[in-house]
Amino acid sequence: MTNFRTVSIGIGSTLLALTLIGLGLVEWIDPAALGAFATWGYPERFHGIFAVVEICGGLLLLLPVVAWYSAVCLSVLLACAISTHVWNGQAQLLMPAGVLLAGILVVGYARHPSTLALTRLRAVADAVAEREIAQQRQRLASPARPRTEFKATNARTRPAGRATAATNSAARSS
């Protein structure tokens, strides 16, 4: 199951990264994107900043070590994009941005370090539990053995009554 999870997270990350890199390149090259930023009320330099953040975020999403940080940055960027579309009444652009945001959030959660540690902890706990269950089944399946009592091997270690212990200690003290 973990191999399937790893492969699916890798494929999802790659598809999201390629989508974001492509969107960033189109946003960087296409002059219509510059016009869209102007109609939304943003300065012209935001056009380039958003394109660079999308491209770099998409590239960093491919690296599992920093994918979580990239996902946080990209989710903030996409949340700002969604709020801009809502503010300007462009409902047709909400669905693609929402799907991208949902994908980024899933990949970000899957690549978070505590999620990885929690998965490892669960695997260790499962292994310990399985071993203990196997030991318990083995104890129940084995025939009942009588308990062996430990016996003292010499006179000094053999338990004695109180009277004997009192006479022995009196004899030693005199």
C-alpha atoms as a PDB file:
ATOM      1  CA  MET A   1       0.000   0.000   0.000  1.00  0.00           C
ATOM      2  CA  THR A   2       2.840   2.403   0.722  1.00  0.00           C
ATOM      3  CA  ASN A   3       4.299   1.881  -2.753  1.00  0.00           C
ATOM      4  CA  PHE A   4       0.954   2.806  -4.299  1.00  0.00           C
ATOM      5  CA  ARG A   5       0.764   5.866  -2.065  1.00  0.00           C
ATOM      6  CA  THR A   6       4.291   6.948  -2.934  1.00  0.00           C
ATOM      7  CA  VAL A   7       3.762   6.498  -6.659  1.00  0.00           C
ATOM      8  CA  SER A   8       0.409   8.297  -6.639  1.00  0.00           C
ATOM      9  CA  ILE A   9       1.842  11.240  -4.684  1.00  0.00           C
ATOM     10  CA  GLY A  10       4.763  11.401  -7.113  1.00  0.00           C
ATOM     11  CA  ILE A  11       2.495  11.343 -10.161  1.00  0.00           C
ATOM     12  CA  GLY A  12       0.153  13.930  -8.641  1.00  0.00           C
ATOM     13  CA  SER A  13       3.066  16.187  -7.724  1.00  0.00           C
ATOM     14  CA  THR A  14       4.511  15.912 -11.223  1.00  0.00           C
ATOM     15  CA  LEU A  15       1.195  16.720 -12.912  1.00  0.00           C
ATOM     16  CA  LEU A  16       0.599  19.709 -10.641  1.00  0.00           C
ATOM     17  CA  ALA A  17       4.155  20.926 -11.137  1.00  0.00           C
ATOM     18  CA  LEU A  18       3.919  20.699 -14.917  1.00  0.00           C
ATOM     19  CA  THR A  19       0.563  22.497 -14.856  1.00  0.00           C
ATOM     20  CA  LEU A  20       1.909  25.302 -12.695  1.00  0.00           C
ATOM     21  CA  ILE A  21       5.092  25.653 -14.732  1.00  0.00           C
ATOM     22  CA  GLY A  22       3.025  25.823 -17.923  1.00  0.00           C
ATOM     23  CA  LEU A  23       0.642  28.397 -16.442  1.00  0.00           C
ATOM     24  CA  GLY A  24       3.578  30.456 -15.217  1.00  0.00           C
ATOM     25  CA  LEU A  25       5.233  30.414 -18.640  1.00  0.00           C
ATOM     26  CA  VAL A  26       1.997  31.392 -20.369  1.00  0.00           C
ATOM     27  CA  GLU A  27       1.476  34.146 -17.825  1.00  0.00           C
ATOM     28  CA  TRP A  28       5.039  35.360 -18.375  1.00  0.00           C
ATOM     29  CA  ILE A  29       4.931  35.334 -22.180  1.00  0.00           C
ATOM     30  CA  ASP A  30       1.302  36.168 -23.030  1.00  0.00           C
ATOM     31  CA  PRO A  31       0.555  39.910 -23.188  1.00  0.00           C
ATOM     32  CA  ALA A  32      -3.139  39.204 -22.483  1.00  0.00           C
ATOM     33  CA  ALA A  33      -2.172  38.176 -18.949  1.00  0.00           C
ATOM     34  CA  LEU A  34      -0.679  41.636 -18.459  1.00  0.00           C
ATOM     35  CA  GLY A  35      -3.990  43.132 -19.495  1.00  0.00           C
ATOM     36  CA  ALA A  36      -5.865  40.855 -17.080  1.00  0.00           C
ATOM     37  CA  PHE A  37      -3.719  42.030 -14.169  1.00  0.00           C
ATOM     38  CA  ALA A  38      -4.412  45.630 -15.176  1.00  0.00           C
ATOM     39  CA  THR A  39      -8.175  45.056 -15.247  1.00  0.00           C
ATOM     40  CA  TRP A  40      -8.020  43.481 -11.799  1.00  0.00           C
ATOM     41  CA  GLY A  41      -6.294  46.590 -10.471  1.00  0.00           C
ATOM     42  CA  TYR A  42      -2.820  45.179  -9.873  1.00  0.00           C
ATOM     43  CA  PRO A  43       0.397  46.950 -10.909  1.00  0.00           C
ATOM     44  CA  GLU A  44       2.249  45.652 -13.970  1.00  0.00           C
ATOM     45  CA  ARG A  45       5.144  44.215 -11.962  1.00  0.00           C
ATOM     46  CA  PHE A  46       2.778  41.769 -10.182  1.00  0.00           C
ATOM     47  CA  HIS A  47       2.374  39.995 -13.504  1.00  0.00           C
ATOM     48  CA  GLY A  48       6.048  38.961 -13.492  1.00  0.00           C
ATOM     49  CA  ILE A  49       6.144  38.221  -9.763  1.00  0.00           C
ATOM     50  CA  PHE A  50       3.194  35.844  -9.949  1.00  0.00           C
ATOM     51  CA  ALA A  51       4.646  34.108 -13.015  1.00  0.00           C
ATOM     52  CA  VAL A  52       8.008  33.585 -11.323  1.00  0.00           C
ATOM     53  CA  VAL A  53       6.368  32.306  -8.124  1.00  0.00           C
ATOM     54  CA  GLU A  54       4.271  29.833 -10.128  1.00  0.00           C
ATOM     55  CA  ILE A  55       7.270  28.566 -12.103  1.00  0.00           C
ATOM     56  CA  CYS A  56       9.571  28.282  -9.078  1.00  0.00           C
ATOM     57  CA  GLY A  57       6.807  26.755  -6.946  1.00  0.00           C
ATOM     58  CA  GLY A  58       6.128  24.186  -9.638  1.00  0.00           C
ATOM     59  CA  LEU A  59       9.813  23.292  -9.864  1.00  0.00           C
ATOM     60  CA  LEU A  60      10.155  23.035  -6.088  1.00  0.00           C
ATOM     61  CA  LEU A  61       7.048  20.871  -5.924  1.00  0.00           C
ATOM     62  CA  LEU A  62       9.047  18.199  -7.751  1.00  0.00           C
ATOM     63  CA  LEU A  63      11.579  17.968  -4.903  1.00  0.00           C
ATOM     64  CA  PRO A  64      10.109  15.982  -1.990  1.00  0.00           C
ATOM     65  CA  VAL A  65      12.374  17.680   0.561  1.00  0.00           C
ATOM     66  CA  VAL A  66      10.981  21.169  -0.078  1.00  0.00           C
ATOM     67  CA  ALA A  67       7.617  20.255  -1.622  1.00  0.00           C
ATOM     68  CA  TRP A  68       5.744  21.145   1.554  1.00  0.00           C
ATOM     69  CA  TYR A  69       7.149  24.673   1.633  1.00  0.00           C
ATOM     70  CA  SER A  70       6.369  25.075  -2.046  1.00  0.00           C
ATOM     71  CA  ALA A  71       2.818  23.866  -1.434  1.00  0.00           C
ATOM     72  CA  VAL A  72       2.328  26.475   1.303  1.00  0.00           C
ATOM     73  CA  CYS A  73       3.575  29.260  -0.971  1.00  0.00           C
ATOM     74  CA  LEU A  74       1.488  28.087  -3.921  1.00  0.00           C
ATOM     75  CA  SER A  75      -1.644  27.661  -1.802  1.00  0.00           C
ATOM     76  CA  VAL A  76      -1.334  31.279  -0.630  1.00  0.00           C
ATOM     77  CA  LEU A  77      -0.897  32.382  -4.247  1.00  0.00           C
ATOM     78  CA  LEU A  78      -3.931  30.355  -5.396  1.00  0.00           C
ATOM     79  CA  ALA A  79      -6.052  31.589  -2.489  1.00  0.00           C
ATOM     80  CA  CYS A  80      -5.221  35.143  -3.565  1.00  0.00           C
ATOM     81  CA  ALA A  81      -6.145  34.264  -7.151  1.00  0.00           C
ATOM     82  CA  ILE A  82      -9.479  32.792  -6.034  1.00  0.00           C
ATOM     83  CA  SER A  83     -10.248  35.850  -3.934  1.00  0.00           C
ATOM     84  CA  THR A  84      -9.408  38.095  -6.899  1.00  0.00           C
ATOM     85  CA  HIS A  85     -11.771  36.122  -9.158  1.00  0.00           C
ATOM     86  CA  VAL A  86     -14.537  36.285  -6.541  1.00  0.00           C
ATOM     87  CA  TRP A  87     -13.976  40.004  -6.017  1.00  0.00           C
ATOM     88  CA  ASN A  88     -14.167  40.730  -9.761  1.00  0.00           C
ATOM     89  CA  GLY A  89     -17.099  38.377 -10.371  1.00  0.00           C
ATOM     90  CA  GLN A  90     -15.303  35.949 -12.704  1.00  0.00           C
ATOM     91  CA  ALA A  91     -17.024  32.700 -11.778  1.00  0.00           C
ATOM     92  CA  GLN A  92     -15.691  30.758 -14.774  1.00  0.00           C
ATOM     93  CA  LEU A  93     -12.127  30.983 -13.395  1.00  0.00           C
ATOM     94  CA  LEU A  94     -13.027  29.758  -9.897  1.00  0.00           C
ATOM     95  CA  MET A  95     -13.234  26.065 -10.777  1.00  0.00           C
ATOM     96  CA  PRO A  96      -9.724  25.657 -12.275  1.00  0.00           C
ATOM     97  CA  ALA A  97      -8.145  27.671  -9.468  1.00  0.00           C
ATOM     98  CA  GLY A  98     -10.104  25.702  -6.874  1.00  0.00           C
ATOM     99  CA  VAL A  99      -9.041  22.369  -8.333  1.00  0.00           C
ATOM    100  CA  LEU A 100      -5.414  23.487  -8.394  1.00  0.00           C
ATOM    101  CA  LEU A 101      -5.688  24.659  -4.787  1.00  0.00           C
ATOM    102  CA  ALA A 102      -7.206  21.335  -3.693  1.00  0.00           C
ATOM    103  CA  GLY A 103      -4.428  19.413  -5.459  1.00  0.00           C
ATOM    104  CA  ILE A 104      -1.740  21.580  -3.891  1.00  0.00           C
ATOM    105  CA  LEU A 105      -3.264  21.091  -0.439  1.00  0.00           C
ATOM    106  CA  VAL A 106      -3.349  17.306  -0.859  1.00  0.00           C
ATOM    107  CA  VAL A 107       0.251  17.160  -2.070  1.00  0.00           C
ATOM    108  CA  GLY A 108       1.352  19.559   0.657  1.00  0.00           C
ATOM    109  CA  TYR A 109      -0.271  17.414   3.332  1.00  0.00           C
ATOM    110  CA  ALA A 110       1.203  14.225   1.896  1.00  0.00           C
ATOM    111  CA  ARG A 111       4.694  15.733   1.719  1.00  0.00           C
ATOM    112  CA  HIS A 112       4.590  17.309   5.195  1.00  0.00           C
ATOM    113  CA  PRO A 113       7.377  15.973   7.462  1.00  0.00           C
ATOM    114  CA  SER A 114       5.046  15.162  10.362  1.00  0.00           C
ATOM    115  CA  THR A 115       2.837  13.098   8.053  1.00  0.00           C
ATOM    116  CA  LEU A 116       5.885  11.069   7.050  1.00  0.00           C
ATOM    117  CA  ALA A 117       6.906  10.639  10.691  1.00  0.00           C
ATOM    118  CA  LEU A 118       3.361   9.664  11.644  1.00  0.00           C
ATOM    119  CA  THR A 119       3.318   7.044   8.895  1.00  0.00           C
ATOM    120  CA  ARG A 120       6.589   5.598  10.154  1.00  0.00           C
ATOM    121  CA  LEU A 121       5.307   5.607  13.735  1.00  0.00           C
ATOM    122  CA  ARG A 122       2.149   3.768  12.673  1.00  0.00           C
ATOM    123  CA  ALA A 123       4.231   1.181  10.817  1.00  0.00           C
ATOM    124  CA  VAL A 124       6.388   0.560  13.895  1.00  0.00           C
ATOM    125  CA  ALA A 125       3.348   0.333  16.165  1.00  0.00           C
ATOM    126  CA  ASP A 126       1.702  -2.138  13.773  1.00  0.00           C
ATOM    127  CA  ALA A 127       4.841  -4.286  13.675  1.00  0.00           C
ATOM    128  CA  VAL A 128       5.088  -4.368  17.479  1.00  0.00           C
ATOM    129  CA  ALA A 129       1.390  -5.181  17.817  1.00  0.00           C
ATOM    130  CA  GLU A 130       1.635  -8.008  15.278  1.00  0.00           C
ATOM    131  CA  ARG A 131       4.630  -9.483  17.103  1.00  0.00           C
ATOM    132  CA  GLU A 132       2.831  -9.346  20.451  1.00  0.00           C
ATOM    133  CA  ILE A 133      -0.292 -10.942  18.969  1.00  0.00           C
ATOM    134  CA  ALA A 134       1.837 -13.742  17.517  1.00  0.00           C
ATOM    135  CA  GLN A 135       3.498 -14.314  20.899  1.00  0.00           C
ATOM    136  CA  GLN A 136       0.134 -14.382  22.651  1.00  0.00           C
ATOM    137  CA  ARG A 137      -1.225 -16.907  20.130  1.00  0.00           C
ATOM    138  CA  GLN A 138       1.863 -19.035  20.631  1.00  0.00           C
ATOM    139  CA  ARG A 139       1.387 -18.988  24.427  1.00  0.00           C
ATOM    140  CA  LEU A 140      -2.253 -19.975  24.084  1.00  0.00           C
ATOM    141  CA  ALA A 141      -1.470 -22.765  21.615  1.00  0.00           C
ATOM    142  CA  SER A 142       1.279 -24.370  23.735  1.00  0.00           C
ATOM    143  CA  PRO A 143       0.250 -26.953  26.374  1.00  0.00           C
ATOM    144  CA  ALA A 144       0.036 -25.717  29.930  1.00  0.00           C
ATOM    145  CA  ARG A 145       3.297 -26.240  31.752  1.00  0.00           C
ATOM    146  CA  PRO A 146       3.445 -26.542  35.508  1.00  0.00           C
ATOM    147  CA  ARG A 147       5.181 -23.722  37.265  1.00  0.00           C
ATOM    148  CA  THR A 148       8.602 -24.598  38.538  1.00  0.00           C
ATOM    149  CA  GLU A 149       9.404 -23.501  42.036  1.00  0.00           C
ATOM    150  CA  PHE A 150      12.841 -22.369  42.925  1.00  0.00           C
ATOM    151  CA  LYS A 151      14.482 -24.336  45.737  1.00  0.00           C
ATOM    152  CA  ALA A 152      17.335 -23.234  47.879  1.00  0.00           C
ATOM    153  CA  THR A 153      20.522 -25.163  47.262  1.00  0.00           C
ATOM    154  CA  ASN A 154      22.352 -24.762  50.547  1.00  0.00           C
ATOM    155  CA  ALA A 155      21.483 -24.297  54.186  1.00  0.00           C
ATOM    156  CA  ARG A 156      22.225 -20.583  54.298  1.00  0.00           C
ATOM    157  CA  THR A 157      19.809 -19.673  51.554  1.00  0.00           C
ATOM    158  CA  ARG A 158      17.050 -22.095  52.624  1.00  0.00           C
ATOM    159  CA  PRO A 159      14.170 -20.316  54.326  1.00  0.00           C
ATOM    160  CA  ALA A 160      13.887 -21.144  58.004  1.00  0.00           C
ATOM    161  CA  GLY A 161      11.285 -20.651  60.661  1.00  0.00           C
ATOM    162  CA  ARG A 162      11.513 -17.777  63.146  1.00  0.00           C
ATOM    163  CA  ALA A 163      12.716 -19.886  65.985  1.00  0.00           C
ATOM    164  CA  THR A 164      15.537 -21.369  63.946  1.00  0.00           C
ATOM    165  CA  ALA A 165      16.557 -17.941  62.671  1.00  0.00           C
ATOM    166  CA  ALA A 166      16.575 -16.539  66.225  1.00  0.00           C
ATOM    167  CA  THR A 167      18.773 -19.335  67.575  1.00  0.00           C
ATOM    168  CA  ASN A 168      21.152 -19.026  64.637  1.00  0.00           C
ATOM    169  CA  SER A 169      21.556 -15.291  65.131  1.00  0.00           C
ATOM    170  CA  ALA A 170      21.996 -15.732  68.923  1.00  0.00           C
ATOM    171  CA  ALA A 171      24.671 -18.348  68.357  1.00  0.00           C
ATOM    172  CA  ARG A 172      26.543 -16.063  65.969  1.00  0.00           C
ATOM    173  CA  SER A 173      26.475 -13.069  68.318  1.00  0.00           C
ATOM    174  CA  SER A 174      27.997 -14.896  71.326  1.00  0.00           C
END
